[in-house]
Amino acid sequence: MEETIVIYTDPDCYYSALAVAEFTRNDIPFKEIDLSASPEAWEEVERITGGRRVTPVIVEGELVTVG
């Protein structure tokens, strides 16, 4: 069973746009959480990143990629 890839993004972040474009171009399914539309998700981002407020944050199972 494949785990869902989650990408935390911000519309003002160039690297968020690049990450979304790369996954889309390669037909890799993912769930995008736009932090400007879901500011409550920042709490989860901070938990995942050890307190950092940075995007994009890509979560694939136990693997977390920041920035």
C-alpha atoms as a PDB file:
ATOM      1  CA  MET A   1       0.000   0.000   0.000  1.00  0.00           C
ATOM      2  CA  GLU A   2       1.453   3.338  -1.068  1.00  0.00           C
ATOM      3  CA  GLU A   3       1.598   6.134   1.444  1.00  0.00           C
ATOM      4  CA  THR A   4       0.232   9.499   0.448  1.00  0.00           C
ATOM      5  CA  ILE A   5       2.881  12.145  -0.132  1.00  0.00           C
ATOM      6  CA  VAL A   6       1.964  15.417   1.558  1.00  0.00           C
ATOM      7  CA  ILE A   7       3.445  18.735   0.451  1.00  0.00           C
ATOM      8  CA  TYR A   8       2.993  21.737   2.744  1.00  0.00           C
ATOM      9  CA  THR A   9       3.165  24.840   0.566  1.00  0.00           C
ATOM     10  CA  ASP A  10       2.774  28.602   0.587  1.00  0.00           C
ATOM     11  CA  PRO A  11       1.647  30.514  -2.517  1.00  0.00           C
ATOM     12  CA  ASP A  12       4.407  33.101  -2.036  1.00  0.00           C
ATOM     13  CA  CYS A  13       7.126  30.429  -2.021  1.00  0.00           C
ATOM     14  CA  TYR A  14       8.879  29.827  -5.333  1.00  0.00           C
ATOM     15  CA  TYR A  15      10.226  26.473  -4.134  1.00  0.00           C
ATOM     16  CA  SER A  16       6.735  25.313  -3.163  1.00  0.00           C
ATOM     17  CA  ALA A  17       5.588  25.989  -6.721  1.00  0.00           C
ATOM     18  CA  LEU A  18       8.599  24.096  -8.100  1.00  0.00           C
ATOM     19  CA  ALA A  19       7.913  21.078  -5.882  1.00  0.00           C
ATOM     20  CA  VAL A  20       4.240  20.928  -6.892  1.00  0.00           C
ATOM     21  CA  ALA A  21       5.167  21.314 -10.573  1.00  0.00           C
ATOM     22  CA  GLU A  22       7.771  18.536 -10.350  1.00  0.00           C
ATOM     23  CA  PHE A  23       5.371  16.061  -8.748  1.00  0.00           C
ATOM     24  CA  THR A  24       2.609  16.993 -11.205  1.00  0.00           C
ATOM     25  CA  ARG A  25       4.916  16.739 -14.243  1.00  0.00           C
ATOM     26  CA  ASN A  26       6.049  13.274 -13.131  1.00  0.00           C
ATOM     27  CA  ASP A  27       2.491  12.072 -12.392  1.00  0.00           C
ATOM     28  CA  ILE A  28       3.342  11.456  -8.737  1.00  0.00           C
ATOM     29  CA  PRO A  29       0.172  11.611  -6.638  1.00  0.00           C
ATOM     30  CA  PHE A  30       0.330  13.945  -3.646  1.00  0.00           C
ATOM     31  CA  LYS A  31      -1.835  15.942  -1.288  1.00  0.00           C
ATOM     32  CA  GLU A  32      -1.069  19.653  -1.116  1.00  0.00           C
ATOM     33  CA  ILE A  33      -1.725  21.591   2.068  1.00  0.00           C
ATOM     34  CA  ASP A  34      -1.636  25.322   1.346  1.00  0.00           C
ATOM     35  CA  LEU A  35      -0.596  26.934   4.607  1.00  0.00           C
ATOM     36  CA  SER A  36      -2.145  30.271   3.641  1.00  0.00           C
ATOM     37  CA  ALA A  37      -5.540  28.569   3.357  1.00  0.00           C
ATOM     38  CA  SER A  38      -4.984  26.236   6.345  1.00  0.00           C
ATOM     39  CA  PRO A  39      -2.893  28.231   8.836  1.00  0.00           C
ATOM     40  CA  GLU A  40      -3.687  25.713  11.580  1.00  0.00           C
ATOM     41  CA  ALA A  41      -1.416  23.264   9.697  1.00  0.00           C
ATOM     42  CA  TRP A  42       1.633  25.367  10.705  1.00  0.00           C
ATOM     43  CA  GLU A  43       1.528  23.574  14.052  1.00  0.00           C
ATOM     44  CA  GLU A  44       2.102  20.257  12.268  1.00  0.00           C
ATOM     45  CA  VAL A  45       4.857  21.763  10.084  1.00  0.00           C
ATOM     46  CA  GLU A  46       6.632  23.075  13.166  1.00  0.00           C
ATOM     47  CA  ARG A  47       6.335  19.661  14.835  1.00  0.00           C
ATOM     48  CA  ILE A  48       7.747  17.904  11.759  1.00  0.00           C
ATOM     49  CA  THR A  49      10.592  20.378  11.235  1.00  0.00           C
ATOM     50  CA  GLY A  50      11.633  20.935  14.826  1.00  0.00           C
ATOM     51  CA  GLY A  51      10.123  24.398  15.034  1.00  0.00           C
ATOM     52  CA  ARG A  52      11.037  25.747  11.609  1.00  0.00           C
ATOM     53  CA  ARG A  53       8.442  27.724   9.627  1.00  0.00           C
ATOM     54  CA  VAL A  54       9.648  27.010   6.117  1.00  0.00           C
ATOM     55  CA  THR A  55       8.109  25.684   2.894  1.00  0.00           C
ATOM     56  CA  PRO A  56       7.931  23.436   1.088  1.00  0.00           C
ATOM     57  CA  VAL A  57       7.869  20.527   3.491  1.00  0.00           C
ATOM     58  CA  ILE A  58       7.434  17.185   1.738  1.00  0.00           C
ATOM     59  CA  VAL A  59       6.382  14.196   3.842  1.00  0.00           C
ATOM     60  CA  GLU A  60       6.518  10.675   2.458  1.00  0.00           C
ATOM     61  CA  GLY A  61       5.982   8.197   5.264  1.00  0.00           C
ATOM     62  CA  GLU A  62       8.915   8.655   7.646  1.00  0.00           C
ATOM     63  CA  LEU A  63      10.934  10.687   5.115  1.00  0.00           C
ATOM     64  CA  VAL A  64      10.697  14.473   5.540  1.00  0.00           C
ATOM     65  CA  THR A  65      12.290  16.895   3.085  1.00  0.00           C
ATOM     66  CA  VAL A  66      12.435  20.550   4.139  1.00  0.00           C
ATOM     67  CA  GLY A  67      12.925  23.422   1.724  1.00  0.00           C
END
